[in-house]
Amino acid sequence: MDTIRTNPDLSKLKVTIAVTGLKTGDNPQPGVAVIRSIRAAGFSGKIIGLVYDSMESGIYLEDLVDAVYQMPYPSAGAEAFLARMEYITAKTRIDVIIPTLDAEVILHIRLKDELKAMGINSYLPTEECFLLRDKTKLATYFPPKGIAVPETTLISEASQIIASKDQFPMMIKGRYYEAFKANNIEEGLKYFYDIESRWGLPIILQKLVPGDEYNIVIVGDGEGGILGMVPQKKLVITDKGKGFGGVVVNNPELFDFATKVIALLKWRGPCELEVMRGYDGQYYLIEINPRFPAWVRLAEGSGQNQPAAVVLKALGEELSPLPACKSGTLFIRHAEDIIADISVMGEISAKSELIRR
């Protein structure tokens, strides 16, 4: 008889959890969804929001976090990051931290021991594993191992866009963020300069694969296995390519494809796979994002509370695989105005912190 799989219950957990990335809107960060999933698991303890900007909208949700602290940007480096964390932990204990932004994850991985010395635990991949999923390495690492990746070229000069004129339409991507479909040279040059100004070089050119797009949120166990996996097909897509609506699908071939990717990487912690099923029936790995996606509440709603599982794994708890997700579960993102007093913004701007409770 199969063991009944259950979701984590955090109702008796007496710890403090820190979560980053509280911006919502048309290009939302995952932090708000992660926190709401943790609360949905019965957690009534303290949650701290770590933000980079006083305009991150989650700051102004009164029932979301107990305190907010502004952080130096990841580009400021390890010394500034650790100094700020030492200040925060001198005021309040942090037991678990969940980084939700691509650019900060590598800093958390490299400073894992220093954070552990402060009493802060996380559930993240090794640095080697993290670097293998870099957009610049996907096309060289995975195809020899049987995972198809669209033809990819790294460029550092705008003239290389012109030289690629016969390859349009194509995808033009930054190494860390942003991806645009360019239909011609003019669009290609525009996106090249836009991405370069924000994220630097190299720029990634990727062959466009016509087909159906899927996103899969996964928690890997670090040994090649999977604690939880929920695939969705986008139904509503913004002009930035972000999913504002999607549905959980039951696709055994997609499950097998994702399982093979995680087995090869031996990924530990949360991640999101972006996969295309070409009209030829071939599955292609487009990207691996090293954190929860902003739509992670769909996993909770379909029967898998993955953020709650990550909290327990960060604390060293043994955990069975999560229950199977329910296909047909739908999410539609809803934008709504948050009303707050200007003094809240003044406090976080002036003091770089806000203590609610």
Protein backbone atom coordinates (compact mmCIF):
# COMPACT_ATOMS: atom_id res chain seq x y z
CA MET A 1 0.00 0.00 0.00
CA ASP A 2 1.38 3.41 -1.03
CA THR A 3 2.22 5.90 1.70
CA ILE A 4 -0.21 8.80 1.74
CA ARG A 5 1.65 11.96 0.79
CA THR A 6 0.78 15.11 2.69
CA ASN A 7 1.70 18.76 2.49
CA PRO A 8 3.93 20.32 5.16
CA ASP A 9 2.16 21.70 8.22
CA LEU A 10 3.96 24.77 9.62
CA SER A 11 1.39 25.58 12.33
CA LYS A 12 3.68 24.49 15.18
CA LEU A 13 6.87 25.96 13.72
CA LYS A 14 8.37 28.70 15.92
CA VAL A 15 10.95 30.31 13.66
CA THR A 16 11.53 33.56 11.77
CA ILE A 17 11.57 33.43 7.97
CA ALA A 18 13.05 36.08 5.66
CA VAL A 19 11.89 36.37 2.03
CA THR A 20 13.15 38.72 -0.69
CA GLY A 21 11.46 40.20 -3.76
CA LEU A 22 8.19 41.90 -2.72
CA LYS A 23 7.43 43.77 -5.93
CA THR A 24 4.18 42.97 -7.73
CA GLY A 25 2.68 44.49 -10.88
CA ASP A 26 3.15 43.64 -14.55
CA ASN A 27 6.55 42.02 -13.92
CA PRO A 28 6.06 40.59 -10.42
CA GLN A 29 8.72 39.18 -8.15
CA PRO A 30 8.01 35.88 -6.37
CA GLY A 31 8.27 37.01 -2.73
CA VAL A 32 4.63 37.87 -2.06
CA ALA A 33 3.43 34.54 -3.50
CA VAL A 34 6.05 32.62 -1.52
CA ILE A 35 4.99 34.30 1.74
CA ARG A 36 1.30 33.66 1.12
CA SER A 37 1.99 29.97 0.48
CA ILE A 38 3.96 29.77 3.75
CA ARG A 39 1.09 31.42 5.63
CA ALA A 40 -1.35 29.00 3.95
CA ALA A 41 0.59 26.11 5.54
CA GLY A 42 -0.55 27.37 8.95
CA PHE A 43 2.57 29.37 9.75
CA SER A 44 1.84 32.10 12.31
CA GLY A 45 5.43 33.00 13.17
CA LYS A 46 7.41 36.04 12.13
CA ILE A 47 8.14 36.80 8.47
CA ILE A 48 10.60 39.48 7.43
CA GLY A 49 10.63 41.07 3.98
CA LEU A 50 14.00 42.01 2.47
CA VAL A 51 13.65 44.62 -0.27
CA TYR A 52 15.89 46.64 -2.57
CA ASP A 53 13.51 49.51 -3.29
CA SER A 54 11.06 51.46 -1.14
CA MET A 55 8.47 51.12 -3.92
CA GLU A 56 8.22 47.32 -3.72
CA SER A 57 4.48 47.03 -3.31
CA GLY A 58 4.50 44.15 -0.82
CA ILE A 59 5.88 46.57 1.76
CA TYR A 60 2.49 48.25 1.91
CA LEU A 61 0.41 45.10 2.49
CA GLU A 62 -0.24 45.31 6.22
CA ASP A 63 -0.94 41.61 6.74
CA LEU A 64 2.03 40.28 4.73
CA VAL A 65 5.19 40.74 6.80
CA ASP A 66 6.07 41.72 10.36
CA ALA A 67 9.09 43.83 9.41
CA VAL A 68 10.85 45.12 6.31
CA TYR A 69 14.55 45.82 5.85
CA GLN A 70 16.10 47.42 2.81
CA MET A 71 19.14 45.61 1.39
CA PRO A 72 22.10 46.78 -0.70
CA TYR A 73 21.86 45.64 -4.31
CA PRO A 74 23.69 42.36 -5.05
CA SER A 75 26.16 44.33 -7.19
CA ALA A 76 27.42 46.01 -3.98
CA GLY A 77 29.13 42.71 -3.16
CA ALA A 78 29.57 40.29 -0.28
CA GLU A 79 30.95 42.73 2.29
CA ALA A 80 27.98 45.11 2.05
CA PHE A 81 25.54 42.19 2.08
CA LEU A 82 27.04 40.57 5.18
CA ALA A 83 27.27 43.88 7.03
CA ARG A 84 23.58 44.48 6.47
CA MET A 85 22.65 40.95 7.52
CA GLU A 86 24.68 41.33 10.71
CA TYR A 87 22.78 44.53 11.49
CA ILE A 88 19.41 42.86 10.86
CA THR A 89 20.16 39.73 12.87
CA ALA A 90 21.35 41.88 15.78
CA LYS A 91 17.78 43.23 15.92
CA THR A 92 15.85 40.07 15.09
CA ARG A 93 16.69 36.42 14.70
CA ILE A 94 16.39 34.88 11.22
CA ASP A 95 16.18 31.09 11.00
CA VAL A 96 15.41 30.59 7.29
CA ILE A 97 15.97 32.77 4.26
CA ILE A 98 14.39 32.27 0.81
CA PRO A 99 15.97 34.43 -1.92
CA THR A 100 13.60 34.84 -4.88
CA LEU A 101 15.60 36.91 -7.39
CA ASP A 102 18.06 35.45 -9.90
CA ALA A 103 20.84 37.98 -9.30
CA GLU A 104 20.99 37.43 -5.53
CA VAL A 105 20.93 33.62 -5.43
CA ILE A 106 24.64 33.19 -6.23
CA LEU A 107 25.53 35.55 -3.36
CA HIS A 108 23.49 33.43 -0.95
CA ILE A 109 25.15 30.26 -2.23
CA ARG A 110 28.68 31.63 -1.86
CA LEU A 111 28.00 33.06 1.60
CA LYS A 112 26.10 30.04 2.91
CA ASP A 113 28.64 29.34 5.66
CA GLU A 114 28.75 32.96 6.83
CA LEU A 115 24.94 33.06 6.96
CA LYS A 116 24.87 29.74 8.79
CA ALA A 117 27.18 31.22 11.41
CA MET A 118 24.48 33.88 11.99
CA GLY A 119 21.89 31.11 12.44
CA ILE A 120 20.40 31.58 8.93
CA ASN A 121 19.55 28.44 6.95
CA SER A 122 18.65 28.05 3.27
CA TYR A 123 17.93 25.30 0.75
CA LEU A 124 19.90 26.09 -2.39
CA PRO A 125 21.99 24.32 -5.05
CA THR A 126 25.77 24.12 -5.08
CA GLU A 127 27.67 26.84 -6.93
CA GLU A 128 28.75 24.35 -9.61
CA CYS A 129 25.15 23.31 -10.20
CA PHE A 130 23.97 26.93 -10.25
CA LEU A 131 26.54 27.89 -12.89
CA LEU A 132 25.64 24.95 -15.15
CA ARG A 133 22.12 26.38 -15.61
CA ASP A 134 23.43 29.76 -16.74
CA LYS A 135 21.79 30.82 -20.01
CA THR A 136 25.22 31.04 -21.63
CA LYS A 137 25.92 27.34 -20.89
CA LEU A 138 22.62 25.58 -21.58
CA ALA A 139 23.37 24.94 -25.25
CA THR A 140 26.76 23.35 -24.54
CA TYR A 141 25.98 21.31 -21.40
CA PHE A 142 22.61 19.71 -22.09
CA PRO A 143 22.42 18.61 -25.79
CA PRO A 144 25.26 16.04 -25.46
CA LYS A 145 23.25 14.53 -22.58
CA GLY A 146 20.07 14.13 -24.61
CA ILE A 147 18.26 17.36 -23.66
CA ALA A 148 17.47 19.54 -26.68
CA VAL A 149 18.20 23.28 -26.42
CA PRO A 150 17.51 25.80 -29.23
CA GLU A 151 20.57 26.93 -31.16
CA THR A 152 22.21 29.66 -29.07
CA THR A 153 24.87 32.28 -29.85
CA LEU A 154 26.59 34.73 -27.50
CA ILE A 155 27.35 38.16 -28.95
CA SER A 156 29.06 41.28 -27.65
CA GLU A 157 28.72 43.68 -30.60
CA ALA A 158 25.68 45.13 -32.36
CA SER A 159 27.25 44.31 -35.73
CA GLN A 160 26.64 40.63 -34.95
CA ILE A 161 22.90 41.34 -35.03
CA ILE A 162 23.25 42.60 -38.60
CA ALA A 163 25.35 39.57 -39.51
CA SER A 164 22.51 37.35 -38.28
CA LYS A 165 19.92 38.90 -40.60
CA ASP A 166 18.98 35.56 -42.16
CA GLN A 167 18.04 34.08 -38.76
CA PHE A 168 15.10 36.35 -37.91
CA PRO A 169 12.74 36.02 -36.14
CA MET A 170 14.82 35.11 -33.06
CA MET A 171 14.86 35.56 -29.29
CA ILE A 172 17.25 38.16 -27.83
CA LYS A 173 18.01 37.73 -24.14
CA GLY A 174 20.02 39.22 -21.32
CA ARG A 175 22.22 36.90 -19.31
CA TYR A 176 20.14 37.42 -16.16
CA TYR A 177 16.86 39.05 -17.16
CA GLU A 178 14.66 39.95 -20.11
CA ALA A 179 13.88 38.17 -23.35
CA PHE A 180 12.34 39.65 -26.49
CA LYS A 181 11.19 38.25 -29.80
CA ALA A 182 12.89 40.23 -32.58
CA ASN A 183 11.30 39.97 -36.03
CA ASN A 184 13.92 41.95 -37.96
CA ILE A 185 17.28 43.74 -37.69
CA GLU A 186 15.71 47.00 -36.46
CA GLU A 187 14.00 45.26 -33.55
CA GLY A 188 17.11 43.21 -32.89
CA LEU A 189 19.30 46.31 -32.57
CA LYS A 190 16.76 48.03 -30.32
CA TYR A 191 16.61 45.06 -27.94
CA PHE A 192 20.39 44.65 -28.03
CA TYR A 193 20.98 48.20 -26.80
CA ASP A 194 18.08 48.05 -24.30
CA ILE A 195 19.41 44.87 -22.67
CA GLU A 196 23.03 46.00 -22.80
CA SER A 197 22.21 49.25 -20.98
CA ARG A 198 20.48 47.39 -18.13
CA TRP A 199 22.27 44.07 -17.81
CA GLY A 200 25.52 44.37 -19.75
CA LEU A 201 27.15 41.85 -22.07
CA PRO A 202 27.08 39.22 -23.44
CA ILE A 203 23.73 39.23 -25.24
CA ILE A 204 22.18 35.88 -26.09
CA LEU A 205 20.67 35.11 -29.49
CA GLN A 206 18.45 32.02 -29.45
CA LYS A 207 16.69 30.35 -32.34
CA LEU A 208 12.92 30.73 -32.08
CA VAL A 209 11.09 27.42 -31.57
CA PRO A 210 7.45 27.59 -32.70
CA GLY A 211 5.24 25.53 -30.45
CA ASP A 212 3.56 25.37 -27.05
CA GLU A 213 5.23 26.93 -24.00
CA TYR A 214 5.23 25.30 -20.56
CA ASN A 215 6.61 26.40 -17.21
CA ILE A 216 7.40 23.93 -14.44
CA VAL A 217 8.07 24.79 -10.79
CA ILE A 218 10.20 22.17 -9.06
CA VAL A 219 11.88 21.53 -5.73
CA GLY A 220 14.86 19.22 -6.20
CA ASP A 221 16.39 17.13 -3.42
CA GLY A 222 20.03 17.69 -4.44
CA GLU A 223 20.56 14.02 -5.32
CA GLY A 224 18.78 13.95 -8.67
CA GLY A 225 15.30 13.42 -7.25
CA ILE A 226 12.27 15.69 -7.05
CA LEU A 227 10.28 16.61 -3.93
CA GLY A 228 7.61 18.46 -5.89
CA MET A 229 6.80 19.35 -9.50
CA VAL A 230 3.91 21.34 -10.98
CA PRO A 231 3.75 22.12 -14.73
CA GLN A 232 1.53 24.83 -16.17
CA LYS A 233 0.62 26.03 -19.63
CA LYS A 234 0.32 29.79 -19.97
CA LEU A 235 -3.13 31.04 -20.92
CA VAL A 236 -2.64 34.81 -20.47
CA ILE A 237 0.69 36.42 -21.42
CA THR A 238 1.70 40.07 -20.96
CA ASP A 239 3.69 42.10 -23.48
CA LYS A 240 6.77 41.28 -21.39
CA GLY A 241 6.12 37.57 -21.89
CA LYS A 242 5.04 37.05 -18.28
CA GLY A 243 2.23 34.63 -17.51
CA PHE A 244 -0.82 36.30 -15.97
CA GLY A 245 -2.90 33.17 -16.21
CA GLY A 246 -2.21 29.47 -16.57
CA VAL A 247 -3.48 25.98 -15.95
CA VAL A 248 -1.86 22.87 -14.46
CA VAL A 249 -1.45 20.16 -17.10
CA ASN A 250 -1.02 16.40 -16.90
CA ASN A 251 1.60 15.55 -19.50
CA PRO A 252 3.72 12.43 -18.85
CA GLU A 253 6.23 13.33 -21.58
CA LEU A 254 6.75 16.76 -20.03
CA PHE A 255 7.17 15.19 -16.57
CA ASP A 256 9.78 12.79 -17.95
CA PHE A 257 11.65 15.61 -19.69
CA ALA A 258 11.77 17.75 -16.51
CA THR A 259 12.75 14.76 -14.37
CA LYS A 260 15.73 14.08 -16.65
CA VAL A 261 16.90 17.71 -16.45
CA ILE A 262 16.83 17.70 -12.64
CA ALA A 263 18.52 14.27 -12.49
CA LEU A 264 21.38 15.56 -14.65
CA LEU A 265 21.85 18.70 -12.56
CA LYS A 266 21.16 17.15 -9.15
CA TRP A 267 19.40 20.41 -8.37
CA ARG A 268 18.76 21.27 -4.72
CA GLY A 269 15.98 23.68 -3.82
CA PRO A 270 13.43 25.57 -5.92
CA CYS A 271 13.69 26.29 -9.63
CA GLU A 272 11.56 26.95 -12.68
CA LEU A 273 12.04 25.26 -16.05
CA GLU A 274 10.88 27.00 -19.21
CA VAL A 275 10.17 24.41 -21.89
CA MET A 276 8.86 24.54 -25.46
CA ARG A 277 7.16 21.63 -27.18
CA GLY A 278 7.91 22.25 -30.82
CA TYR A 279 5.31 21.53 -33.47
CA ASP A 280 7.57 18.62 -34.42
CA GLY A 281 6.81 17.04 -31.02
CA GLN A 282 10.34 17.67 -29.67
CA TYR A 283 10.74 19.21 -26.20
CA TYR A 284 13.32 21.99 -25.83
CA LEU A 285 14.81 23.41 -22.64
CA ILE A 286 14.67 27.20 -22.93
CA GLU A 287 15.76 28.40 -19.46
CA ILE A 288 16.28 27.28 -15.88
CA ASN A 289 15.46 29.98 -13.35
CA PRO A 290 17.16 29.30 -9.99
CA ARG A 291 14.26 30.26 -7.70
CA PHE A 292 10.51 30.08 -7.28
CA PRO A 293 8.49 31.78 -10.02
CA ALA A 294 5.93 34.49 -9.24
CA TRP A 295 3.15 32.02 -10.07
CA VAL A 296 4.21 29.54 -7.35
CA ARG A 297 0.84 29.86 -5.58
CA LEU A 298 -0.57 27.75 -8.41
CA ALA A 299 1.50 24.90 -6.99
CA GLU A 300 -0.07 25.44 -3.57
CA GLY A 301 -3.54 25.69 -5.09
CA SER A 302 -3.06 22.45 -7.03
CA GLY A 303 -2.07 20.52 -3.90
CA GLN A 304 1.69 21.09 -3.54
CA ASN A 305 2.86 23.72 -1.07
CA GLN A 306 6.44 23.94 -2.29
CA PRO A 307 7.52 27.07 -0.31
CA ALA A 308 6.45 25.36 2.93
CA ALA A 309 8.51 22.32 1.93
CA VAL A 310 11.58 24.49 1.33
CA VAL A 311 11.25 26.01 4.82
CA LEU A 312 11.36 22.55 6.39
CA LYS A 313 14.22 21.34 4.20
CA ALA A 314 16.24 24.45 5.07
CA LEU A 315 15.82 23.49 8.73
CA GLY A 316 17.13 19.99 8.00
CA GLU A 317 13.79 18.19 8.27
CA GLU A 318 13.19 14.88 6.50
CA LEU A 319 10.40 15.24 3.97
CA SER A 320 8.58 12.81 1.70
CA PRO A 321 7.73 13.85 -1.87
CA LEU A 322 4.73 16.16 -2.00
CA PRO A 323 1.32 14.89 -3.19
CA ALA A 324 0.58 14.80 -6.90
CA CYS A 325 -0.71 18.10 -8.24
CA LYS A 326 -4.27 18.40 -9.50
CA SER A 327 -4.42 19.00 -13.24
CA GLY A 328 -6.94 21.57 -14.43
CA THR A 329 -6.19 23.95 -11.55
CA LEU A 330 -6.25 27.48 -12.93
CA PHE A 331 -4.71 30.78 -11.86
CA ILE A 332 -5.51 34.29 -13.04
CA ARG A 333 -3.41 37.11 -11.64
CA HIS A 334 -5.42 40.00 -10.24
CA ALA A 335 -3.96 43.50 -9.91
CA GLU A 336 -5.33 45.69 -7.18
CA ASP A 337 -4.52 49.05 -5.62
CA ILE A 338 -2.88 49.14 -2.20
CA ILE A 339 -3.81 52.11 0.00
CA ALA A 340 -1.28 53.22 2.61
CA ASP A 341 -0.13 56.35 4.40
CA ILE A 342 2.83 58.22 2.93
CA SER A 343 4.55 57.89 6.31
CA VAL A 344 5.16 54.20 5.55
CA MET A 345 7.21 55.13 2.50
CA GLY A 346 8.94 57.85 4.49
CA GLU A 347 9.97 55.40 7.19
CA ILE A 348 11.41 52.79 4.85
CA SER A 349 13.12 55.49 2.78
CA ALA A 350 14.63 57.33 5.75
CA LYS A 351 15.47 54.40 8.04
CA SER A 352 15.80 51.55 5.50
CA GLU A 353 13.55 49.50 7.77
CA LEU A 354 9.94 49.24 8.88
CA ILE A 355 8.82 47.38 11.99
CA ARG A 356 5.11 46.50 11.88
CA ARG A 357 4.86 43.92 14.67
